[in-house]
C-alpha atoms as a PDB file:
ATOM      1  CA  MET A   1       0.000   0.000   0.000  1.00  0.00           C
ATOM      2  CA  GLY A   2       1.506   3.315  -1.076  1.00  0.00           C
ATOM      3  CA  LEU A   3       0.720   6.961  -0.417  1.00  0.00           C
ATOM      4  CA  LYS A   4      -0.261   7.573  -4.059  1.00  0.00           C
ATOM      5  CA  GLU A   5      -2.910   4.856  -3.860  1.00  0.00           C
ATOM      6  CA  LEU A   6      -4.374   6.354  -0.683  1.00  0.00           C
ATOM      7  CA  ILE A   7      -4.436   9.856  -2.162  1.00  0.00           C
ATOM      8  CA  ALA A   8      -6.096   8.538  -5.326  1.00  0.00           C
ATOM      9  CA  PHE A   9      -8.749   6.796  -3.205  1.00  0.00           C
ATOM     10  CA  ARG A  10      -9.499   9.979  -1.300  1.00  0.00           C
ATOM     11  CA  ALA A  11      -9.629  12.016  -4.530  1.00  0.00           C
ATOM     12  CA  VAL A  12     -12.198   9.644  -6.073  1.00  0.00           C
ATOM     13  CA  ILE A  13     -14.359   9.960  -2.945  1.00  0.00           C
ATOM     14  CA  GLU A  14     -14.118  13.763  -2.944  1.00  0.00           C
ATOM     15  CA  GLN A  15     -14.677  14.228  -6.703  1.00  0.00           C
ATOM     16  CA  GLY A  16     -17.339  11.556  -7.169  1.00  0.00           C
ATOM     17  CA  THR A  17     -15.914   9.986 -10.331  1.00  0.00           C
ATOM     18  CA  PHE A  18     -12.620   8.482 -11.487  1.00  0.00           C
ATOM     19  CA  ALA A  19     -12.426  10.993 -14.332  1.00  0.00           C
ATOM     20  CA  LYS A  20     -12.731  14.039 -12.062  1.00  0.00           C
ATOM     21  CA  ALA A  21     -10.257  12.530  -9.596  1.00  0.00           C
ATOM     22  CA  ALA A  22      -7.755  12.019 -12.412  1.00  0.00           C
ATOM     23  CA  GLU A  23      -8.242  15.620 -13.526  1.00  0.00           C
ATOM     24  CA  LYS A  24      -7.625  16.928 -10.013  1.00  0.00           C
ATOM     25  CA  LEU A  25      -4.501  14.799  -9.567  1.00  0.00           C
ATOM     26  CA  HIS A  26      -3.262  15.566 -13.112  1.00  0.00           C
ATOM     27  CA  TYR A  27      -3.194  11.857 -13.944  1.00  0.00           C
ATOM     28  CA  ALA A  28      -4.661   9.859 -16.792  1.00  0.00           C
ATOM     29  CA  GLN A  29      -7.909   8.171 -15.761  1.00  0.00           C
ATOM     30  CA  SER A  30      -6.306   4.771 -16.392  1.00  0.00           C
ATOM     31  CA  THR A  31      -3.613   5.637 -13.822  1.00  0.00           C
ATOM     32  CA  VAL A  32      -6.189   6.335 -11.114  1.00  0.00           C
ATOM     33  CA  THR A  33      -8.072   3.150 -12.012  1.00  0.00           C
ATOM     34  CA  SER A  34      -4.852   1.124 -11.725  1.00  0.00           C
ATOM     35  CA  GLN A  35      -4.033   2.696  -8.361  1.00  0.00           C
ATOM     36  CA  ILE A  36      -7.457   1.807  -6.971  1.00  0.00           C
ATOM     37  CA  GLN A  37      -7.175  -1.730  -8.333  1.00  0.00           C
ATOM     38  CA  ARG A  38      -3.755  -2.198  -6.686  1.00  0.00           C
ATOM     39  CA  LEU A  39      -5.195  -0.945  -3.393  1.00  0.00           C
ATOM     40  CA  GLU A  40      -8.179  -3.304  -3.653  1.00  0.00           C
ATOM     41  CA  LYS A  41      -5.905  -6.234  -4.478  1.00  0.00           C
ATOM     42  CA  GLU A  42      -3.753  -5.589  -1.417  1.00  0.00           C
ATOM     43  CA  LEU A  43      -6.757  -5.093   0.875  1.00  0.00           C
ATOM     44  CA  GLY A  44      -8.584  -8.123  -0.451  1.00  0.00           C
ATOM     45  CA  PHE A  45     -11.971  -6.444  -1.056  1.00  0.00           C
ATOM     46  CA  LEU A  46     -13.630  -4.033  -3.483  1.00  0.00           C
ATOM     47  CA  LEU A  47     -13.721  -0.361  -2.518  1.00  0.00           C
ATOM     48  CA  PHE A  48     -16.150   0.793  -5.230  1.00  0.00           C
ATOM     49  CA  LYS A  49     -19.116  -0.761  -6.966  1.00  0.00           C
ATOM     50  CA  ARG A  50     -18.368  -1.008 -10.660  1.00  0.00           C
ATOM     51  CA  GLY A  51     -20.179   1.570 -12.777  1.00  0.00           C
ATOM     52  CA  TRP A  52     -19.993   5.139 -14.064  1.00  0.00           C
ATOM     53  CA  GLU A  53     -20.330   6.669 -10.606  1.00  0.00           C
ATOM     54  CA  ALA A  54     -17.771   5.979  -7.888  1.00  0.00           C
ATOM     55  CA  GLU A  55     -20.159   4.441  -5.370  1.00  0.00           C
ATOM     56  CA  LEU A  56     -18.464   2.963  -2.315  1.00  0.00           C
ATOM     57  CA  THR A  57     -19.113  -0.586  -1.182  1.00  0.00           C
ATOM     58  CA  GLU A  58     -19.925  -1.148   2.497  1.00  0.00           C
ATOM     59  CA  ALA A  59     -16.308  -2.184   3.109  1.00  0.00           C
ATOM     60  CA  GLY A  60     -15.197   0.857   1.123  1.00  0.00           C
ATOM     61  CA  ARG A  61     -17.229   3.185   3.375  1.00  0.00           C
ATOM     62  CA  LEU A  62     -15.576   1.715   6.470  1.00  0.00           C
ATOM     63  CA  TYR A  63     -12.133   2.061   4.943  1.00  0.00           C
ATOM     64  CA  ALA A  64     -12.852   5.608   3.757  1.00  0.00           C
ATOM     65  CA  ALA A  65     -13.415   6.683   7.359  1.00  0.00           C
ATOM     66  CA  GLU A  66      -9.791   5.790   8.097  1.00  0.00           C
ATOM     67  CA  VAL A  67      -8.071   7.054   4.966  1.00  0.00           C
ATOM     68  CA  ASP A  68      -7.195  10.577   6.225  1.00  0.00           C
ATOM     69  CA  GLY A  69      -5.573   9.098   9.320  1.00  0.00           C
ATOM     70  CA  LEU A  70      -3.610   6.659   7.156  1.00  0.00           C
ATOM     71  CA  ILE A  71      -2.356   9.485   4.931  1.00  0.00           C
ATOM     72  CA  ARG A  72      -1.289  11.538   7.962  1.00  0.00           C
ATOM     73  CA  HIS A  73       0.480   8.499   9.390  1.00  0.00           C
ATOM     74  CA  TRP A  74       2.260   7.863   6.098  1.00  0.00           C
ATOM     75  CA  ASN A  75       3.460  11.489   5.886  1.00  0.00           C
ATOM     76  CA  HIS A  76       4.548  11.360   9.515  1.00  0.00           C
ATOM     77  CA  VAL A  77       6.626   8.220   9.006  1.00  0.00           C
ATOM     78  CA  ARG A  78       8.109   9.566   5.796  1.00  0.00           C
ATOM     79  CA  GLY A  79       9.050  12.803   7.552  1.00  0.00           C
ATOM     80  CA  LEU A  80      10.725  10.914  10.387  1.00  0.00           C
ATOM     81  CA  ALA A  81      12.687   8.821   7.909  1.00  0.00           C
ATOM     82  CA  ALA A  82      13.873  11.914   6.065  1.00  0.00           C
ATOM     83  CA  GLU A  83      14.839  13.594   9.332  1.00  0.00           C
ATOM     84  CA  LEU A  84      16.902  10.574  10.382  1.00  0.00           C
ATOM     85  CA  GLY A  85      18.711  10.873   7.059  1.00  0.00           C
ATOM     86  CA  ASN A  86      19.378  14.575   7.758  1.00  0.00           C
ATOM     87  CA  GLU A  87      17.347  15.513   4.697  1.00  0.00           C
ATOM     88  CA  GLU A  88      14.014  16.429   6.225  1.00  0.00           C
ATOM     89  CA  ARG A  89      11.572  17.253   3.469  1.00  0.00           C
ATOM     90  CA  GLY A  90       7.872  17.752   3.005  1.00  0.00           C
ATOM     91  CA  THR A  91       5.331  20.570   3.126  1.00  0.00           C
ATOM     92  CA  LEU A  92       4.267  22.486   6.222  1.00  0.00           C
ATOM     93  CA  SER A  93       0.770  23.928   5.842  1.00  0.00           C
ATOM     94  CA  PHE A  94      -0.230  26.633   8.294  1.00  0.00           C
ATOM     95  CA  GLY A  95      -2.338  29.758   8.543  1.00  0.00           C
ATOM     96  CA  VAL A  96      -1.853  33.335   9.717  1.00  0.00           C
ATOM     97  CA  ILE A  97      -4.093  36.360  10.053  1.00  0.00           C
ATOM     98  CA  GLU A  98      -3.394  39.377   7.851  1.00  0.00           C
ATOM     99  CA  PRO A  99      -1.576  41.509  10.494  1.00  0.00           C
ATOM    100  CA  VAL A 100       0.893  38.664  11.021  1.00  0.00           C
ATOM    101  CA  ALA A 101       1.339  38.222   7.265  1.00  0.00           C
ATOM    102  CA  GLU A 102       2.030  41.926   6.803  1.00  0.00           C
ATOM    103  CA  LYS A 103       4.562  42.252   9.628  1.00  0.00           C
ATOM    104  CA  MET A 104       6.149  38.902  10.419  1.00  0.00           C
ATOM    105  CA  LEU A 105       5.607  36.299   7.717  1.00  0.00           C
ATOM    106  CA  GLY A 106       8.586  37.105   5.513  1.00  0.00           C
ATOM    107  CA  GLU A 107      11.043  37.088   8.403  1.00  0.00           C
ATOM    108  CA  LEU A 108       9.615  33.856   9.832  1.00  0.00           C
ATOM    109  CA  LEU A 109       9.818  32.066   6.485  1.00  0.00           C
ATOM    110  CA  ALA A 110      13.409  33.235   5.945  1.00  0.00           C
ATOM    111  CA  ALA A 111      14.429  32.017   9.416  1.00  0.00           C
ATOM    112  CA  PHE A 112      12.659  28.691   8.838  1.00  0.00           C
ATOM    113  CA  ARG A 113      14.410  28.218   5.494  1.00  0.00           C
ATOM    114  CA  ASN A 114      17.755  28.575   7.251  1.00  0.00           C
ATOM    115  CA  GLU A 115      16.738  25.833   9.702  1.00  0.00           C
ATOM    116  CA  LYS A 116      14.855  23.497   7.319  1.00  0.00           C
ATOM    117  CA  PRO A 117      15.765  24.281   3.688  1.00  0.00           C
ATOM    118  CA  GLY A 118      14.144  21.075   2.410  1.00  0.00           C
ATOM    119  CA  ILE A 119      10.652  21.841   3.712  1.00  0.00           C
ATOM    120  CA  GLU A 120       8.234  23.804   1.568  1.00  0.00           C
ATOM    121  CA  CYS A 121       5.560  25.999   3.168  1.00  0.00           C
ATOM    122  CA  ALA A 122       1.922  26.461   2.153  1.00  0.00           C
ATOM    123  CA  VAL A 123       0.568  29.553   3.914  1.00  0.00           C
ATOM    124  CA  THR A 124      -3.131  30.460   4.206  1.00  0.00           C
ATOM    125  CA  ILE A 125      -3.986  34.065   5.122  1.00  0.00           C
ATOM    126  CA  ASP A 126      -7.500  34.375   6.515  1.00  0.00           C
ATOM    127  CA  SER A 127      -9.580  35.341   9.545  1.00  0.00           C
ATOM    128  CA  SER A 128      -9.086  33.549  12.868  1.00  0.00           C
ATOM    129  CA  GLU A 129     -12.481  31.857  12.604  1.00  0.00           C
ATOM    130  CA  ARG A 130     -11.811  30.450   9.129  1.00  0.00           C
ATOM    131  CA  LEU A 131      -8.298  29.345  10.090  1.00  0.00           C
ATOM    132  CA  ALA A 132      -9.746  27.505  13.091  1.00  0.00           C
ATOM    133  CA  LEU A 133     -12.166  25.701  10.774  1.00  0.00           C
ATOM    134  CA  ALA A 134      -9.352  24.744   8.383  1.00  0.00           C
ATOM    135  CA  LEU A 135      -7.321  23.431  11.320  1.00  0.00           C
ATOM    136  CA  HIS A 136     -10.283  21.351  12.488  1.00  0.00           C
ATOM    137  CA  ASP A 137     -10.683  19.923   8.961  1.00  0.00           C
ATOM    138  CA  GLY A 138      -7.034  18.851   8.898  1.00  0.00           C
ATOM    139  CA  GLU A 139      -6.006  21.343   6.209  1.00  0.00           C
ATOM    140  CA  LEU A 140      -3.509  23.138   8.483  1.00  0.00           C
ATOM    141  CA  SER A 141      -0.878  21.994  10.982  1.00  0.00           C
ATOM    142  CA  PHE A 142      -1.316  25.132  13.099  1.00  0.00           C
ATOM    143  CA  ALA A 143      -2.402  28.765  12.880  1.00  0.00           C
ATOM    144  CA  LEU A 144      -1.017  32.017  14.269  1.00  0.00           C
ATOM    145  CA  CYS A 145      -4.215  33.942  14.940  1.00  0.00           C
ATOM    146  CA  GLY A 146      -6.658  35.215  17.516  1.00  0.00           C
ATOM    147  CA  GLN A 147      -8.568  32.901  19.826  1.00  0.00           C
ATOM    148  CA  PRO A 148     -11.687  31.684  17.964  1.00  0.00           C
ATOM    149  CA  ARG A 149     -15.086  31.638  19.634  1.00  0.00           C
ATOM    150  CA  SER A 150     -15.060  27.837  19.741  1.00  0.00           C
ATOM    151  CA  LEU A 151     -11.865  25.858  20.246  1.00  0.00           C
ATOM    152  CA  GLY A 152     -13.271  22.363  19.665  1.00  0.00           C
ATOM    153  CA  ASP A 153     -10.357  19.921  19.853  1.00  0.00           C
ATOM    154  CA  ALA A 154      -7.789  22.689  19.467  1.00  0.00           C
ATOM    155  CA  PHE A 155      -5.818  24.528  22.133  1.00  0.00           C
ATOM    156  CA  PHE A 156      -4.754  28.193  22.061  1.00  0.00           C
ATOM    157  CA  ASP A 157      -1.433  29.478  23.422  1.00  0.00           C
ATOM    158  CA  PRO A 158      -1.522  33.321  23.622  1.00  0.00           C
ATOM    159  CA  LEU A 159       1.734  35.121  22.778  1.00  0.00           C
ATOM    160  CA  TYR A 160       0.913  38.843  22.552  1.00  0.00           C
ATOM    161  CA  SER A 161      -2.039  41.181  22.095  1.00  0.00           C
ATOM    162  CA  GLU A 162      -3.287  43.440  19.342  1.00  0.00           C
ATOM    163  CA  GLU A 163      -5.495  46.389  20.249  1.00  0.00           C
ATOM    164  CA  ILE A 164      -8.513  47.860  18.477  1.00  0.00           C
ATOM    165  CA  VAL A 165      -7.902  51.510  17.582  1.00  0.00           C
ATOM    166  CA  PHE A 166      -9.745  54.110  15.499  1.00  0.00           C
ATOM    167  CA  VAL A 167      -8.515  56.471  12.772  1.00  0.00           C
ATOM    168  CA  VAL A 168      -9.944  59.383  10.826  1.00  0.00           C
ATOM    169  CA  ASP A 169      -8.624  61.576   8.026  1.00  0.00           C
ATOM    170  CA  LYS A 170      -6.746  64.629   9.291  1.00  0.00           C
ATOM    171  CA  THR A 171      -9.155  66.842   7.328  1.00  0.00           C
ATOM    172  CA  HIS A 172     -12.191  65.273   9.048  1.00  0.00           C
ATOM    173  CA  VAL A 173     -14.164  67.431  11.462  1.00  0.00           C
ATOM    174  CA  LEU A 174     -13.537  64.783  14.147  1.00  0.00           C
ATOM    175  CA  ALA A 175      -9.792  65.347  13.851  1.00  0.00           C
ATOM    176  CA  GLU A 176     -10.247  68.546  15.827  1.00  0.00           C
ATOM    177  CA  LYS A 177     -11.627  66.630  18.816  1.00  0.00           C
ATOM    178  CA  GLU A 178      -9.526  65.015  21.523  1.00  0.00           C
ATOM    179  CA  SER A 179     -11.459  61.743  21.490  1.00  0.00           C
ATOM    180  CA  LEU A 180     -14.436  59.967  19.962  1.00  0.00           C
ATOM    181  CA  THR A 181     -17.826  59.703  21.602  1.00  0.00           C
ATOM    182  CA  LEU A 182     -20.465  57.034  21.082  1.00  0.00           C
ATOM    183  CA  GLU A 183     -22.593  59.533  19.151  1.00  0.00           C
ATOM    184  CA  ASP A 184     -19.801  59.975  16.593  1.00  0.00           C
ATOM    185  CA  PHE A 185     -20.240  56.381  15.452  1.00  0.00           C
ATOM    186  CA  TYR A 186     -23.839  57.162  14.509  1.00  0.00           C
ATOM    187  CA  ARG A 187     -22.982  60.349  12.630  1.00  0.00           C
ATOM    188  CA  TYR A 188     -20.298  58.958  10.340  1.00  0.00           C
ATOM    189  CA  PRO A 189     -19.765  55.651   8.499  1.00  0.00           C
ATOM    190  CA  LEU A 190     -17.789  53.026  10.427  1.00  0.00           C
ATOM    191  CA  VAL A 191     -15.325  50.961   8.355  1.00  0.00           C
ATOM    192  CA  THR A 192     -14.325  47.619   9.923  1.00  0.00           C
ATOM    193  CA  GLY A 193     -12.835  44.248   9.023  1.00  0.00           C
ATOM    194  CA  GLY A 194     -14.932  41.391   7.637  1.00  0.00           C
ATOM    195  CA  GLU A 195     -17.679  39.772   9.657  1.00  0.00           C
ATOM    196  CA  GLN A 196     -15.429  36.845  10.611  1.00  0.00           C
ATOM    197  CA  CYS A 197     -12.716  39.112  12.062  1.00  0.00           C
ATOM    198  CA  LEU A 198     -12.524  38.775  15.827  1.00  0.00           C
ATOM    199  CA  TYR A 199     -12.344  42.512  16.383  1.00  0.00           C
ATOM    200  CA  HIS A 200     -15.413  43.009  14.160  1.00  0.00           C
ATOM    201  CA  LEU A 201     -17.252  40.624  16.483  1.00  0.00           C
ATOM    202  CA  ARG A 202     -15.918  42.541  19.485  1.00  0.00           C
ATOM    203  CA  LEU A 203     -17.277  45.812  18.071  1.00  0.00           C
ATOM    204  CA  GLU A 204     -20.648  44.188  17.457  1.00  0.00           C
ATOM    205  CA  GLN A 205     -20.753  43.254  21.132  1.00  0.00           C
ATOM    206  CA  THR A 206     -20.028  46.888  22.031  1.00  0.00           C
ATOM    207  CA  PHE A 207     -23.032  48.153  20.065  1.00  0.00           C
ATOM    208  CA  ALA A 208     -25.324  45.201  20.834  1.00  0.00           C
ATOM    209  CA  THR A 209     -26.801  46.926  23.876  1.00  0.00           C
ATOM    210  CA  TYR A 210     -28.094  49.841  21.767  1.00  0.00           C
ATOM    211  CA  ALA A 211     -31.306  49.915  19.749  1.00  0.00           C
ATOM    212  CA  THR A 212     -29.510  50.443  16.426  1.00  0.00           C
ATOM    213  CA  LYS A 213     -26.053  49.714  15.054  1.00  0.00           C
ATOM    214  CA  PRO A 214     -23.823  52.292  13.382  1.00  0.00           C
ATOM    215  CA  PHE A 215     -23.960  52.434   9.583  1.00  0.00           C
ATOM    216  CA  SER A 216     -20.919  50.431   8.558  1.00  0.00           C
ATOM    217  CA  TYR A 217     -18.844  49.082   5.703  1.00  0.00           C
ATOM    218  CA  THR A 218     -16.893  45.839   6.046  1.00  0.00           C
ATOM    219  CA  VAL A 219     -13.570  45.347   4.270  1.00  0.00           C
ATOM    220  CA  SER A 220     -11.922  41.938   4.472  1.00  0.00           C
ATOM    221  CA  ARG A 221      -8.436  43.329   3.764  1.00  0.00           C
ATOM    222  CA  LEU A 222      -7.514  45.205   6.934  1.00  0.00           C
ATOM    223  CA  SER A 223      -4.712  47.217   5.338  1.00  0.00           C
ATOM    224  CA  SER A 224      -7.280  48.876   3.038  1.00  0.00           C
ATOM    225  CA  ILE A 225      -9.488  50.173   5.861  1.00  0.00           C
ATOM    226  CA  PRO A 226      -7.678  53.514   6.486  1.00  0.00           C
ATOM    227  CA  ASN A 227      -7.912  54.540   2.804  1.00  0.00           C
ATOM    228  CA  VAL A 228     -11.554  53.486   2.599  1.00  0.00           C
ATOM    229  CA  ALA A 229     -12.383  55.404   5.779  1.00  0.00           C
ATOM    230  CA  SER A 230     -10.607  58.458   4.392  1.00  0.00           C
ATOM    231  CA  ALA A 231     -12.541  58.353   1.099  1.00  0.00           C
ATOM    232  CA  LEU A 232     -15.859  57.926   2.938  1.00  0.00           C
ATOM    233  CA  GLN A 233     -15.002  60.588   5.519  1.00  0.00           C
ATOM    234  CA  GLY A 234     -15.798  57.975   8.111  1.00  0.00           C
ATOM    235  CA  ILE A 235     -14.164  56.279  11.097  1.00  0.00           C
ATOM    236  CA  GLY A 236     -11.799  53.370  10.505  1.00  0.00           C
ATOM    237  CA  ALA A 237     -11.595  50.575  13.084  1.00  0.00           C
ATOM    238  CA  ILE A 238      -8.246  48.801  12.788  1.00  0.00           C
ATOM    239  CA  LEU A 239      -5.654  46.932  14.826  1.00  0.00           C
ATOM    240  CA  THR A 240      -2.492  48.506  16.153  1.00  0.00           C
ATOM    241  CA  SER A 241      -0.335  46.635  13.639  1.00  0.00           C
ATOM    242  CA  THR A 242      -2.146  48.157  10.649  1.00  0.00           C
ATOM    243  CA  VAL A 243      -0.007  50.657   8.752  1.00  0.00           C
ATOM    244  CA  VAL A 244      -1.708  54.050   8.831  1.00  0.00           C
ATOM    245  CA  PRO A 245      -1.137  56.547   5.962  1.00  0.00           C
ATOM    246  CA  GLU A 246       0.237  60.000   6.779  1.00  0.00           C
ATOM    247  CA  ASN A 247      -3.123  61.626   6.035  1.00  0.00           C
ATOM    248  CA  MET A 248      -4.802  59.692   8.884  1.00  0.00           C
ATOM    249  CA  GLN A 249      -4.645  60.169  12.655  1.00  0.00           C
ATOM    250  CA  TYR A 250      -5.583  58.075  15.680  1.00  0.00           C
ATOM    251  CA  MET A 251      -8.664  58.968  17.735  1.00  0.00           C
ATOM    252  CA  PRO A 252      -8.994  57.606  21.298  1.00  0.00           C
ATOM    253  CA  PHE A 253     -12.228  55.911  22.293  1.00  0.00           C
ATOM    254  CA  ALA A 254     -13.040  54.200  25.592  1.00  0.00           C
ATOM    255  CA  LEU A 255     -13.767  50.716  24.254  1.00  0.00           C
ATOM    256  CA  GLU A 256     -14.561  48.402  27.157  1.00  0.00           C
ATOM    257  CA  ASP A 257     -12.309  45.589  25.950  1.00  0.00           C
ATOM    258  CA  SER A 258      -9.968  46.609  23.140  1.00  0.00           C
ATOM    259  CA  LYS A 259      -7.316  43.880  23.323  1.00  0.00           C
ATOM    260  CA  ILE A 260      -7.274  40.842  21.010  1.00  0.00           C
ATOM    261  CA  PRO A 261      -4.917  38.022  22.144  1.00  0.00           C
ATOM    262  CA  ILE A 262      -2.811  36.580  19.316  1.00  0.00           C
ATOM    263  CA  GLY A 263      -1.200  33.160  19.657  1.00  0.00           C
ATOM    264  CA  LEU A 264      -0.661  29.634  18.386  1.00  0.00           C
ATOM    265  CA  LEU A 265      -3.731  27.541  17.631  1.00  0.00           C
ATOM    266  CA  GLN A 266      -2.970  23.825  17.385  1.00  0.00           C
ATOM    267  CA  ASN A 267      -4.908  20.582  17.221  1.00  0.00           C
ATOM    268  CA  GLY A 268      -4.992  19.016  20.668  1.00  0.00           C
ATOM    269  CA  LYS A 269      -5.854  15.508  19.444  1.00  0.00           C
ATOM    270  CA  SER A 270      -3.459  15.173  16.524  1.00  0.00           C
ATOM    271  CA  ARG A 271      -1.017  12.304  17.005  1.00  0.00           C
ATOM    272  CA  TYR A 272       1.221  13.385  14.147  1.00  0.00           C
ATOM    273  CA  ARG A 273       3.152  16.618  13.839  1.00  0.00           C
ATOM    274  CA  SER A 274       4.146  17.778  10.364  1.00  0.00           C
ATOM    275  CA  PRO A 275       7.875  17.926   9.511  1.00  0.00           C
ATOM    276  CA  GLY A 276       9.436  21.067  10.918  1.00  0.00           C
ATOM    277  CA  LEU A 277       6.377  22.011  12.979  1.00  0.00           C
ATOM    278  CA  ASP A 278       8.277  22.173  16.258  1.00  0.00           C
ATOM    279  CA  VAL A 279      11.019  24.258  14.625  1.00  0.00           C
ATOM    280  CA  PHE A 280       8.579  26.758  13.133  1.00  0.00           C
ATOM    281  CA  THR A 281       6.509  27.179  16.284  1.00  0.00           C
ATOM    282  CA  GLN A 282       9.687  27.778  18.278  1.00  0.00           C
ATOM    283  CA  LEU A 283      10.724  30.482  15.801  1.00  0.00           C
ATOM    284  CA  ILE A 284       7.335  32.116  16.397  1.00  0.00           C
ATOM    285  CA  ARG A 285       7.788  31.979  20.159  1.00  0.00           C
ATOM    286  CA  ASN A 286      11.247  33.542  19.841  1.00  0.00           C
ATOM    287  CA  ALA A 287       9.857  36.344  17.692  1.00  0.00           C
ATOM    288  CA  HIS A 288       6.709  37.174  19.637  1.00  0.00           C
ATOM    289  CA  LYS A 289       8.395  39.669  21.992  1.00  0.00           C
ATOM    290  CA  ILE A 290       9.594  41.624  18.985  1.00  0.00           C
ATOM    291  CA  SER A 291       6.104  41.508  17.543  1.00  0.00           C
ATOM    292  CA  ALA A 292       4.593  42.721  20.793  1.00  0.00           C
ATOM    293  CA  SER A 293       6.873  45.746  20.897  1.00  0.00           C
ATOM    294  CA  ARG A 294       6.233  46.511  17.228  1.00  0.00           C
ATOM    295  CA  PHE A 295       2.475  46.383  17.612  1.00  0.00           C
ATOM    296  CA  SER A 296       2.207  48.170  20.948  1.00  0.00           C
ATOM    297  CA  PRO A 297      -0.138  51.186  21.183  1.00  0.00           C
ATOM    298  CA  ALA A 298       2.744  53.280  22.545  1.00  0.00           C
ATOM    299  CA  HIS A 299       4.639  52.777  19.291  1.00  0.00           C
ATOM    300  CA  TYR A 300       1.726  53.820  17.122  1.00  0.00           C
ATOM    301  CA  SER A 301       0.725  56.789  19.213  1.00  0.00           C
ATOM    302  CA  GLU A 302       3.884  58.468  17.953  1.00  0.00           C
ATOM    303  CA  VAL A 303       3.098  57.956  14.263  1.00  0.00           C
END
């Protein structure tokens, strides 16, 4: 039984037909058929009923429930073998939120390449909630993000905190004030991150006790919020790590809970750790103090 056969089996299940599985894997259909036949011969039972559609047999359904674990085990063993030969290879898939990608990702990848030059990296940049879902589905080895609303089988190790801050254009009438009031959020458009952003959810909680919510625009790319807020002559809600253009200025507001913990989110039940995972997470831990000082409100109050 080989890894290619297991991957082909999973692809047929996911795609529904041998032809679509072959297309996804960039194989000829005959290659996928041969791989499935070899797997069936070794197992001693049929995985699919013969026909145009890839319909699983009862034995095939039972085996399908174990295939992801078998693939993870195979990759784990292969990674250990490569490491013992001092040629650790493979792919490390992980996720980060946008502020981390903007400020830390390049440096972390460069440091990791020095430690593990044979390991490729597949990086997903998304909201904390979506990264947590991808981790749960086995698509990621870990995520550097905020703490999601539901941890499930994962565990969260906080490293530093971001803070929610507000910006307006320097030509805005609010720029003449010393701080924002609650009424200001009802007079001018509020520009925030996407609905899955943790700080967007935090702001919703802030306004949940009032009869109406501020008129708002959501922008999934956080780095674009200051420019959008400037064009709309509105108020931009961002995190302290967001780069603010020279035409914008910070406006204090007494938000009840403005801090968003950022840390490592990992699967608590996974028996197998991807090649290089321990090395990469240690690099993150070593860098988090630098990140904390970079993203501190004191630093940005001087901008």
